[in-house]
Amino acid sequence: YDGATAGAVQDPPDGGIDWSAVRGAFMVNGALYLGHADGSFTRRAF
């Protein structure tokens, strides 16, 4: 996405994560932070 036009939808590896149970996410300096439905807050390299 360039702010005006979105490219075709791609299906990247999901890392075995239950994405339906993720409640929020952001990345910083190569680390992916995820908030989960069970209330936990995790990070992992991505």
All heavy atoms as atom14 arrays in JSON, in Angstrom:
{
  "sequence": "YDGATAGAVQDPPDGGIDWSAVRGAFMVNGALYLGHADGSFTRRAF",
  "atom14_mask": [
    [1, 1, 1, 1, 1, 1, 1, 1, 1, 1, 1, 1, 0, 0],
    [1, 1, 1, 1, 1, 1, 1, 1, 0, 0, 0, 0, 0, 0],
    [1, 1, 1, 1, 0, 0, 0, 0, 0, 0, 0, 0, 0, 0],
    [1, 1, 1, 1, 1, 0, 0, 0, 0, 0, 0, 0, 0, 0],
    [1, 1, 1, 1, 1, 1, 1, 0, 0, 0, 0, 0, 0, 0],
    [1, 1, 1, 1, 1, 0, 0, 0, 0, 0, 0, 0, 0, 0],
    [1, 1, 1, 1, 0, 0, 0, 0, 0, 0, 0, 0, 0, 0],
    [1, 1, 1, 1, 1, 0, 0, 0, 0, 0, 0, 0, 0, 0],
    [1, 1, 1, 1, 1, 1, 1, 0, 0, 0, 0, 0, 0, 0],
    [1, 1, 1, 1, 1, 1, 1, 1, 1, 0, 0, 0, 0, 0],
    [1, 1, 1, 1, 1, 1, 1, 1, 0, 0, 0, 0, 0, 0],
    [1, 1, 1, 1, 1, 1, 1, 0, 0, 0, 0, 0, 0, 0],
    [1, 1, 1, 1, 1, 1, 1, 0, 0, 0, 0, 0, 0, 0],
    [1, 1, 1, 1, 1, 1, 1, 1, 0, 0, 0, 0, 0, 0],
    [1, 1, 1, 1, 0, 0, 0, 0, 0, 0, 0, 0, 0, 0],
    [1, 1, 1, 1, 0, 0, 0, 0, 0, 0, 0, 0, 0, 0],
    [1, 1, 1, 1, 1, 1, 1, 1, 0, 0, 0, 0, 0, 0],
    [1, 1, 1, 1, 1, 1, 1, 1, 0, 0, 0, 0, 0, 0],
    [1, 1, 1, 1, 1, 1, 1, 1, 1, 1, 1, 1, 1, 1],
    [1, 1, 1, 1, 1, 1, 0, 0, 0, 0, 0, 0, 0, 0],
    [1, 1, 1, 1, 1, 0, 0, 0, 0, 0, 0, 0, 0, 0],
    [1, 1, 1, 1, 1, 1, 1, 0, 0, 0, 0, 0, 0, 0],
    [1, 1, 1, 1, 1, 1, 1, 1, 1, 1, 1, 0, 0, 0],
    [1, 1, 1, 1, 0, 0, 0, 0, 0, 0, 0, 0, 0, 0],
    [1, 1, 1, 1, 1, 0, 0, 0, 0, 0, 0, 0, 0, 0],
    [1, 1, 1, 1, 1, 1, 1, 1, 1, 1, 1, 0, 0, 0],
    [1, 1, 1, 1, 1, 1, 1, 1, 0, 0, 0, 0, 0, 0],
    [1, 1, 1, 1, 1, 1, 1, 0, 0, 0, 0, 0, 0, 0],
    [1, 1, 1, 1, 1, 1, 1, 1, 0, 0, 0, 0, 0, 0],
    [1, 1, 1, 1, 0, 0, 0, 0, 0, 0, 0, 0, 0, 0],
    [1, 1, 1, 1, 1, 0, 0, 0, 0, 0, 0, 0, 0, 0],
    [1, 1, 1, 1, 1, 1, 1, 1, 0, 0, 0, 0, 0, 0],
    [1, 1, 1, 1, 1, 1, 1, 1, 1, 1, 1, 1, 0, 0],
    [1, 1, 1, 1, 1, 1, 1, 1, 0, 0, 0, 0, 0, 0],
    [1, 1, 1, 1, 0, 0, 0, 0, 0, 0, 0, 0, 0, 0],
    [1, 1, 1, 1, 1, 1, 1, 1, 1, 1, 0, 0, 0, 0],
    [1, 1, 1, 1, 1, 0, 0, 0, 0, 0, 0, 0, 0, 0],
    [1, 1, 1, 1, 1, 1, 1, 1, 0, 0, 0, 0, 0, 0],
    [1, 1, 1, 1, 0, 0, 0, 0, 0, 0, 0, 0, 0, 0],
    [1, 1, 1, 1, 1, 1, 0, 0, 0, 0, 0, 0, 0, 0],
    [1, 1, 1, 1, 1, 1, 1, 1, 1, 1, 1, 0, 0, 0],
    [1, 1, 1, 1, 1, 1, 1, 0, 0, 0, 0, 0, 0, 0],
    [1, 1, 1, 1, 1, 1, 1, 1, 1, 1, 1, 0, 0, 0],
    [1, 1, 1, 1, 1, 1, 1, 1, 1, 1, 1, 0, 0, 0],
    [1, 1, 1, 1, 1, 0, 0, 0, 0, 0, 0, 0, 0, 0],
    [1, 1, 1, 1, 1, 1, 1, 1, 1, 1, 1, 0, 0, 0]
  ],
  "atom14_positions": [
    [[0.84, -1.19, 0.0], [0.0, 0.0, 0.0], [0.88, 1.24, 0.0], [1.88, 1.32, 0.72], [-0.91, -0.01, 1.23], [-1.93, 1.09, 1.27], [-2.86, 1.25, 0.23], [-1.99, 1.99, 2.33], [-3.8, 2.26, 0.26], [-2.93, 3.0, 2.37], [-3.83, 3.14, 1.32], [-4.77, 4.14, 1.35], [0.0, 0.0, 0.0], [0.0, 0.0, 0.0]],
    [[0.51, 2.23, -0.83], [1.28, 3.47, -0.93], [0.54, 4.69, -0.41], [0.99, 5.82, -0.59], [1.72, 3.7, -2.37], [0.55, 3.89, -3.33], [-0.61, 3.97, -2.86], [0.79, 3.96, -4.56], [0.0, 0.0, 0.0], [0.0, 0.0, 0.0], [0.0, 0.0, 0.0], [0.0, 0.0, 0.0], [0.0, 0.0, 0.0], [0.0, 0.0, 0.0]],
    [[-0.6, 4.46, 0.23], [-1.41, 5.56, 0.73], [-2.53, 5.95, -0.2], [-3.43, 6.69, 0.19], [0.0, 0.0, 0.0], [0.0, 0.0, 0.0], [0.0, 0.0, 0.0], [0.0, 0.0, 0.0], [0.0, 0.0, 0.0], [0.0, 0.0, 0.0], [0.0, 0.0, 0.0], [0.0, 0.0, 0.0], [0.0, 0.0, 0.0], [0.0, 0.0, 0.0]],
    [[-2.49, 5.45, -1.45], [-3.54, 5.74, -2.42], [-4.07, 4.46, -3.06], [-5.28, 4.3, -3.24], [-3.01, 6.67, -3.5], [0.0, 0.0, 0.0], [0.0, 0.0, 0.0], [0.0, 0.0, 0.0], [0.0, 0.0, 0.0], [0.0, 0.0, 0.0], [0.0, 0.0, 0.0], [0.0, 0.0, 0.0], [0.0, 0.0, 0.0], [0.0, 0.0, 0.0]],
    [[-3.17, 3.55, -3.39], [-3.55, 2.32, -4.09], [-2.99, 1.11, -3.37], [-1.82, 1.09, -2.97], [-3.02, 2.34, -5.53], [-3.49, 3.52, -6.18], [-3.49, 1.1, -6.29], [0.0, 0.0, 0.0], [0.0, 0.0, 0.0], [0.0, 0.0, 0.0], [0.0, 0.0, 0.0], [0.0, 0.0, 0.0], [0.0, 0.0, 0.0], [0.0, 0.0, 0.0]],
    [[-3.86, 0.1, -3.19], [-3.44, -1.15, -2.56], [-3.18, -2.19, -3.63], [-3.92, -2.31, -4.61], [-4.51, -1.65, -1.6], [0.0, 0.0, 0.0], [0.0, 0.0, 0.0], [0.0, 0.0, 0.0], [0.0, 0.0, 0.0], [0.0, 0.0, 0.0], [0.0, 0.0, 0.0], [0.0, 0.0, 0.0], [0.0, 0.0, 0.0], [0.0, 0.0, 0.0]],
    [[-2.09, -2.95, -3.45], [-1.78, -4.03, -4.37], [-2.65, -5.25, -4.11], [-3.52, -5.25, -3.24], [0.0, 0.0, 0.0], [0.0, 0.0, 0.0], [0.0, 0.0, 0.0], [0.0, 0.0, 0.0], [0.0, 0.0, 0.0], [0.0, 0.0, 0.0], [0.0, 0.0, 0.0], [0.0, 0.0, 0.0], [0.0, 0.0, 0.0], [0.0, 0.0, 0.0]],
    [[-2.38, -6.28, -4.87], [-3.15, -7.52, -4.74], [-2.94, -8.12, -3.35], [-1.86, -8.03, -2.76], [-2.72, -8.51, -5.81], [0.0, 0.0, 0.0], [0.0, 0.0, 0.0], [0.0, 0.0, 0.0], [0.0, 0.0, 0.0], [0.0, 0.0, 0.0], [0.0, 0.0, 0.0], [0.0, 0.0, 0.0], [0.0, 0.0, 0.0], [0.0, 0.0, 0.0]],
    [[-3.98, -8.77, -2.84], [-3.9, -9.44, -1.54], [-2.98, -10.64, -1.65], [-3.08, -11.44, -2.57], [-5.3, -9.88, -1.07], [-5.19, -10.68, 0.23], [-6.2, -8.68, -0.88], [0.0, 0.0, 0.0], [0.0, 0.0, 0.0], [0.0, 0.0, 0.0], [0.0, 0.0, 0.0], [0.0, 0.0, 0.0], [0.0, 0.0, 0.0], [0.0, 0.0, 0.0]],
    [[-2.06, -10.76, -0.69], [-1.14, -11.88, -0.63], [-1.4, -12.68, 0.64], [-1.97, -12.17, 1.61], [0.3, -11.39, -0.65], [0.67, -10.58, -1.88], [2.08, -10.05, -1.81], [3.03, -10.81, -1.58], [2.24, -8.75, -2.0], [0.0, 0.0, 0.0], [0.0, 0.0, 0.0], [0.0, 0.0, 0.0], [0.0, 0.0, 0.0], [0.0, 0.0, 0.0]],
    [[-0.96, -13.94, 0.63], [-1.18, -14.85, 1.75], [0.18, -15.25, 2.32], [0.74, -16.28, 1.96], [-1.94, -16.08, 1.26], [-2.28, -17.03, 2.4], [-2.2, -16.59, 3.56], [-2.62, -18.19, 2.13], [0.0, 0.0, 0.0], [0.0, 0.0, 0.0], [0.0, 0.0, 0.0], [0.0, 0.0, 0.0], [0.0, 0.0, 0.0], [0.0, 0.0, 0.0]],
    [[0.75, -14.44, 3.22], [2.09, -14.72, 3.76], [2.04, -15.83, 4.8], [0.95, -16.2, 5.28], [2.48, -13.4, 4.39], [1.18, -12.83, 4.86], [0.15, -13.23, 3.83], [0.0, 0.0, 0.0], [0.0, 0.0, 0.0], [0.0, 0.0, 0.0], [0.0, 0.0, 0.0], [0.0, 0.0, 0.0], [0.0, 0.0, 0.0], [0.0, 0.0, 0.0]],
    [[3.18, -16.38, 5.2], [3.2, -17.38, 6.28], [2.59, -16.8, 7.55], [2.82, -15.63, 7.89], [4.69, -17.67, 6.45], [5.32, -17.29, 5.16], [4.52, -16.13, 4.64], [0.0, 0.0, 0.0], [0.0, 0.0, 0.0], [0.0, 0.0, 0.0], [0.0, 0.0, 0.0], [0.0, 0.0, 0.0], [0.0, 0.0, 0.0], [0.0, 0.0, 0.0]],
    [[1.82, -17.63, 8.27], [1.13, -17.12, 9.46], [1.86, -17.44, 10.76], [1.42, -17.04, 11.84], [-0.3, -17.63, 9.53], [-0.4, -19.14, 9.67], [0.63, -19.8, 9.93], [-1.51, -19.67, 9.52], [0.0, 0.0, 0.0], [0.0, 0.0, 0.0], [0.0, 0.0, 0.0], [0.0, 0.0, 0.0], [0.0, 0.0, 0.0], [0.0, 0.0, 0.0]],
    [[2.97, -18.17, 10.67], [3.77, -18.44, 11.85], [3.11, -19.33, 12.88], [3.57, -19.42, 14.02], [0.0, 0.0, 0.0], [0.0, 0.0, 0.0], [0.0, 0.0, 0.0], [0.0, 0.0, 0.0], [0.0, 0.0, 0.0], [0.0, 0.0, 0.0], [0.0, 0.0, 0.0], [0.0, 0.0, 0.0], [0.0, 0.0, 0.0], [0.0, 0.0, 0.0]],
    [[2.02, -19.98, 12.5], [1.31, -20.82, 13.44], [0.54, -20.05, 14.5], [0.1, -20.62, 15.5], [0.0, 0.0, 0.0], [0.0, 0.0, 0.0], [0.0, 0.0, 0.0], [0.0, 0.0, 0.0], [0.0, 0.0, 0.0], [0.0, 0.0, 0.0], [0.0, 0.0, 0.0], [0.0, 0.0, 0.0], [0.0, 0.0, 0.0], [0.0, 0.0, 0.0]],
    [[0.38, -18.76, 14.27], [-0.34, -17.91, 15.23], [-1.83, -17.97, 14.96], [-2.28, -17.97, 13.81], [0.17, -16.45, 15.11], [1.66, -16.37, 15.45], [-0.64, -15.51, 16.01], [2.29, -15.04, 15.12], [0.0, 0.0, 0.0], [0.0, 0.0, 0.0], [0.0, 0.0, 0.0], [0.0, 0.0, 0.0], [0.0, 0.0, 0.0], [0.0, 0.0, 0.0]],
    [[-2.62, -18.04, 16.01], [-4.07, -17.95, 15.88], [-4.44, -16.48, 15.72], [-4.68, -15.77, 16.69], [-4.75, -18.55, 17.11], [-6.28, -18.49, 17.01], [-6.8, -18.06, 15.96], [-6.94, -18.87, 18.0], [0.0, 0.0, 0.0], [0.0, 0.0, 0.0], [0.0, 0.0, 0.0], [0.0, 0.0, 0.0], [0.0, 0.0, 0.0], [0.0, 0.0, 0.0]],
    [[-4.44, -16.0, 14.49], [-4.65, -14.58, 14.23], [-6.06, -14.12, 14.6], [-6.28, -12.93, 14.86], [-4.35, -14.26, 12.78], [-2.88, -14.37, 12.49], [-2.22, -15.43, 11.93], [-1.89, -13.38, 12.79], [-0.87, -15.17, 11.87], [-0.63, -13.91, 12.38], [-1.92, -12.1, 13.35], [0.56, -13.21, 12.53], [-0.74, -11.4, 13.49], [0.48, -11.95, 13.08]],
    [[-7.01, -15.05, 14.66], [-8.36, -14.65, 15.05], [-8.43, -14.27, 16.52], [-9.38, -13.61, 16.96], [-9.35, -15.8, 14.78], [-9.07, -16.91, 15.62], [0.0, 0.0, 0.0], [0.0, 0.0, 0.0], [0.0, 0.0, 0.0], [0.0, 0.0, 0.0], [0.0, 0.0, 0.0], [0.0, 0.0, 0.0], [0.0, 0.0, 0.0], [0.0, 0.0, 0.0]],
    [[-7.42, -14.68, 17.3], [-7.38, -14.35, 18.72], [-6.45, -13.19, 19.02], [-6.21, -12.87, 20.19], [-6.95, -15.58, 19.53], [0.0, 0.0, 0.0], [0.0, 0.0, 0.0], [0.0, 0.0, 0.0], [0.0, 0.0, 0.0], [0.0, 0.0, 0.0], [0.0, 0.0, 0.0], [0.0, 0.0, 0.0], [0.0, 0.0, 0.0], [0.0, 0.0, 0.0]],
    [[-5.91, -12.53, 17.98], [-5.06, -11.35, 18.19], [-5.94, -10.11, 18.26], [-6.85, -9.93, 17.44], [-4.02, -11.22, 17.06], [-3.23, -9.93, 17.2], [-3.07, -12.43, 17.08], [0.0, 0.0, 0.0], [0.0, 0.0, 0.0], [0.0, 0.0, 0.0], [0.0, 0.0, 0.0], [0.0, 0.0, 0.0], [0.0, 0.0, 0.0], [0.0, 0.0, 0.0]],
    [[-5.66, -9.26, 19.22], [-6.52, -8.1, 19.46], [-5.84, -6.77, 19.09], [-6.48, -5.72, 19.13], [-6.95, -8.05, 20.93], [-7.84, -9.23, 21.31], [-9.16, -9.14, 20.57], [-10.06, -10.25, 20.84], [-10.23, -11.29, 20.05], [-9.54, -11.37, 18.9], [-11.07, -12.24, 20.36], [0.0, 0.0, 0.0], [0.0, 0.0, 0.0], [0.0, 0.0, 0.0]],
    [[-4.57, -6.81, 18.76], [-3.86, -5.6, 18.36], [-2.43, -5.96, 18.04], [-1.9, -6.97, 18.52], [0.0, 0.0, 0.0], [0.0, 0.0, 0.0], [0.0, 0.0, 0.0], [0.0, 0.0, 0.0], [0.0, 0.0, 0.0], [0.0, 0.0, 0.0], [0.0, 0.0, 0.0], [0.0, 0.0, 0.0], [0.0, 0.0, 0.0], [0.0, 0.0, 0.0]],
    [[-1.78, -5.14, 17.19], [-0.42, -5.47, 16.76], [0.3, -4.21, 16.3], [-0.31, -3.26, 15.81], [-0.44, -6.5, 15.64], [0.0, 0.0, 0.0], [0.0, 0.0, 0.0], [0.0, 0.0, 0.0], [0.0, 0.0, 0.0], [0.0, 0.0, 0.0], [0.0, 0.0, 0.0], [0.0, 0.0, 0.0], [0.0, 0.0, 0.0], [0.0, 0.0, 0.0]],
    [[1.62, -4.22, 16.47], [2.48, -3.21, 15.85], [3.88, -3.8, 15.75], [4.22, -4.78, 16.43], [2.5, -1.9, 16.65], [3.02, -2.01, 18.05], [4.4, -1.96, 18.32], [2.16, -2.14, 19.13], [4.88, -2.05, 19.61], [2.64, -2.24, 20.43], [4.0, -2.19, 20.67], [0.0, 0.0, 0.0], [0.0, 0.0, 0.0], [0.0, 0.0, 0.0]],
    [[4.69, -3.2, 14.88], [6.09, -3.59, 14.75], [6.99, -2.42, 15.1], [6.66, -1.26, 14.83], [6.4, -4.06, 13.33], [5.96, -5.47, 13.02], [6.79, -6.12, 11.53], [8.46, -6.46, 12.19], [0.0, 0.0, 0.0], [0.0, 0.0, 0.0], [0.0, 0.0, 0.0], [0.0, 0.0, 0.0], [0.0, 0.0, 0.0], [0.0, 0.0, 0.0]],
    [[8.16, -2.75, 15.66], [9.19, -1.76, 15.9], [10.54, -2.45, 15.79], [10.79, -3.48, 16.43], [9.03, -1.07, 17.27], [9.02, -2.06, 18.41], [10.1, -0.02, 17.48], [0.0, 0.0, 0.0], [0.0, 0.0, 0.0], [0.0, 0.0, 0.0], [0.0, 0.0, 0.0], [0.0, 0.0, 0.0], [0.0, 0.0, 0.0], [0.0, 0.0, 0.0]],
    [[11.39, -1.95, 14.88], [12.75, -2.45, 14.72], [12.83, -3.97, 14.61], [13.63, -4.62, 15.27], [13.62, -1.96, 15.88], [13.85, -0.47, 15.86], [13.69, 0.17, 14.82], [14.2, 0.1, 16.99], [0.0, 0.0, 0.0], [0.0, 0.0, 0.0], [0.0, 0.0, 0.0], [0.0, 0.0, 0.0], [0.0, 0.0, 0.0], [0.0, 0.0, 0.0]],
    [[11.98, -4.52, 13.75], [12.03, -5.95, 13.48], [11.33, -6.83, 14.49], [11.35, -8.06, 14.34], [0.0, 0.0, 0.0], [0.0, 0.0, 0.0], [0.0, 0.0, 0.0], [0.0, 0.0, 0.0], [0.0, 0.0, 0.0], [0.0, 0.0, 0.0], [0.0, 0.0, 0.0], [0.0, 0.0, 0.0], [0.0, 0.0, 0.0], [0.0, 0.0, 0.0]],
    [[10.72, -6.25, 15.5], [9.99, -7.03, 16.51], [8.5, -6.8, 16.33], [8.03, -5.67, 16.17], [10.42, -6.64, 17.91], [0.0, 0.0, 0.0], [0.0, 0.0, 0.0], [0.0, 0.0, 0.0], [0.0, 0.0, 0.0], [0.0, 0.0, 0.0], [0.0, 0.0, 0.0], [0.0, 0.0, 0.0], [0.0, 0.0, 0.0], [0.0, 0.0, 0.0]],
    [[7.75, -7.9, 16.36], [6.29, -7.87, 16.23], [5.66, -8.04, 17.61], [5.9, -9.03, 18.3], [5.83, -8.99, 15.3], [4.33, -9.21, 15.15], [3.63, -7.97, 14.58], [4.06, -10.43, 14.27], [0.0, 0.0, 0.0], [0.0, 0.0, 0.0], [0.0, 0.0, 0.0], [0.0, 0.0, 0.0], [0.0, 0.0, 0.0], [0.0, 0.0, 0.0]],
    [[4.89, -7.04, 18.01], [4.19, -7.07, 19.29], [2.72, -7.4, 19.04], [2.08, -6.79, 18.17], [4.32, -5.73, 20.0], [5.71, -5.44, 20.52], [6.71, -4.97, 19.66], [6.04, -5.66, 21.85], [7.99, -4.72, 20.13], [7.32, -5.4, 22.33], [8.29, -4.94, 21.46], [9.56, -4.69, 21.92], [0.0, 0.0, 0.0], [0.0, 0.0, 0.0]],
    [[2.2, -8.33, 19.82], [0.82, -8.78, 19.66], [0.1, -8.77, 21.0], [0.63, -9.24, 22.01], [0.77, -10.2, 19.09], [1.41, -10.43, 17.71], [1.37, -11.92, 17.37], [0.72, -9.61, 16.64], [0.0, 0.0, 0.0], [0.0, 0.0, 0.0], [0.0, 0.0, 0.0], [0.0, 0.0, 0.0], [0.0, 0.0, 0.0], [0.0, 0.0, 0.0]],
    [[-1.12, -8.25, 21.0], [-2.02, -8.39, 22.13], [-2.99, -9.5, 21.83], [-3.53, -9.59, 20.72], [0.0, 0.0, 0.0], [0.0, 0.0, 0.0], [0.0, 0.0, 0.0], [0.0, 0.0, 0.0], [0.0, 0.0, 0.0], [0.0, 0.0, 0.0], [0.0, 0.0, 0.0], [0.0, 0.0, 0.0], [0.0, 0.0, 0.0], [0.0, 0.0, 0.0]],
    [[-3.26, -10.38, 22.79], [-4.04, -11.59, 22.55], [-5.34, -11.57, 23.35], [-5.47, -10.87, 24.36], [-3.23, -12.83, 22.92], [-1.93, -12.94, 22.18], [-1.81, -13.6, 20.99], [-0.7, -12.44, 22.47], [-0.54, -13.53, 20.57], [0.15, -12.83, 21.46], [0.0, 0.0, 0.0], [0.0, 0.0, 0.0], [0.0, 0.0, 0.0], [0.0, 0.0, 0.0]],
    [[-6.29, -12.38, 22.89], [-7.61, -12.44, 23.51], [-7.56, -12.9, 24.96], [-8.48, -12.62, 25.73], [-8.53, -13.36, 22.7], [0.0, 0.0, 0.0], [0.0, 0.0, 0.0], [0.0, 0.0, 0.0], [0.0, 0.0, 0.0], [0.0, 0.0, 0.0], [0.0, 0.0, 0.0], [0.0, 0.0, 0.0], [0.0, 0.0, 0.0], [0.0, 0.0, 0.0]],
    [[-6.5, -13.6, 25.34], [-6.37, -14.03, 26.74], [-5.76, -12.95, 27.61], [-5.49, -13.16, 28.8], [-5.57, -15.32, 26.84], [-4.13, -15.18, 26.35], [-3.74, -14.06, 25.94], [-3.4, -16.19, 26.37], [0.0, 0.0, 0.0], [0.0, 0.0, 0.0], [0.0, 0.0, 0.0], [0.0, 0.0, 0.0], [0.0, 0.0, 0.0], [0.0, 0.0, 0.0]],
    [[-5.48, -11.76, 27.03], [-4.92, -10.65, 27.78], [-3.41, -10.57, 27.78], [-2.84, -9.62, 28.31], [0.0, 0.0, 0.0], [0.0, 0.0, 0.0], [0.0, 0.0, 0.0], [0.0, 0.0, 0.0], [0.0, 0.0, 0.0], [0.0, 0.0, 0.0], [0.0, 0.0, 0.0], [0.0, 0.0, 0.0], [0.0, 0.0, 0.0], [0.0, 0.0, 0.0]],
    [[-2.74, -11.53, 27.18], [-1.28, -11.51, 27.16], [-0.77, -10.55, 26.09], [-1.46, -10.23, 25.13], [-0.73, -12.92, 26.92], [-1.13, -13.41, 25.65], [0.0, 0.0, 0.0], [0.0, 0.0, 0.0], [0.0, 0.0, 0.0], [0.0, 0.0, 0.0], [0.0, 0.0, 0.0], [0.0, 0.0, 0.0], [0.0, 0.0, 0.0], [0.0, 0.0, 0.0]],
    [[0.46, -10.13, 26.28], [1.13, -9.19, 25.38], [2.49, -9.79, 25.08], [3.3, -10.01, 25.98], [1.25, -7.84, 26.08], [1.83, -6.73, 25.25], [1.44, -6.52, 23.94], [2.77, -5.85, 25.81], [1.97, -5.47, 23.19], [3.3, -4.81, 25.08], [2.9, -4.62, 23.77], [0.0, 0.0, 0.0], [0.0, 0.0, 0.0], [0.0, 0.0, 0.0]],
    [[2.75, -10.1, 23.8], [3.97, -10.82, 23.43], [4.74, -10.08, 22.35], [4.21, -9.21, 21.67], [3.65, -12.23, 22.92], [2.91, -12.13, 21.69], [2.85, -13.02, 23.94], [0.0, 0.0, 0.0], [0.0, 0.0, 0.0], [0.0, 0.0, 0.0], [0.0, 0.0, 0.0], [0.0, 0.0, 0.0], [0.0, 0.0, 0.0], [0.0, 0.0, 0.0]],
    [[6.01, -10.49, 22.19], [6.81, -9.99, 21.08], [7.61, -11.15, 20.51], [7.94, -12.11, 21.2], [7.73, -8.85, 21.51], [8.91, -9.27, 22.34], [9.95, -8.17, 22.48], [10.91, -8.53, 23.51], [10.97, -8.0, 24.71], [10.12, -7.04, 25.04], [11.84, -8.41, 25.61], [0.0, 0.0, 0.0], [0.0, 0.0, 0.0], [0.0, 0.0, 0.0]],
    [[7.93, -11.02, 19.23], [8.76, -12.0, 18.54], [9.4, -11.33, 17.35], [8.89, -10.33, 16.83], [7.92, -13.21, 18.08], [6.89, -12.88, 17.02], [6.04, -14.09, 16.69], [5.09, -14.39, 17.74], [4.65, -15.63, 18.0], [5.1, -16.66, 17.3], [3.78, -15.85, 18.95], [0.0, 0.0, 0.0], [0.0, 0.0, 0.0], [0.0, 0.0, 0.0]],
    [[10.53, -11.84, 16.93], [11.17, -11.33, 15.72], [10.32, -11.71, 14.52], [9.7, -12.77, 14.48], [12.56, -11.92, 15.58], [0.0, 0.0, 0.0], [0.0, 0.0, 0.0], [0.0, 0.0, 0.0], [0.0, 0.0, 0.0], [0.0, 0.0, 0.0], [0.0, 0.0, 0.0], [0.0, 0.0, 0.0], [0.0, 0.0, 0.0], [0.0, 0.0, 0.0]],
    [[10.29, -10.81, 13.51], [9.51, -11.08, 12.29], [10.22, -10.42, 11.12], [10.5, -9.22, 11.14], [8.1, -10.53, 12.45], [7.22, -10.74, 11.25], [7.06, -12.0, 10.68], [6.54, -9.67, 10.67], [6.25, -12.2, 9.57], [5.73, -9.86, 9.57], [5.58, -11.14, 9.02], [0.0, 0.0, 0.0], [0.0, 0.0, 0.0], [0.0, 0.0, 0.0]]
  ]
}
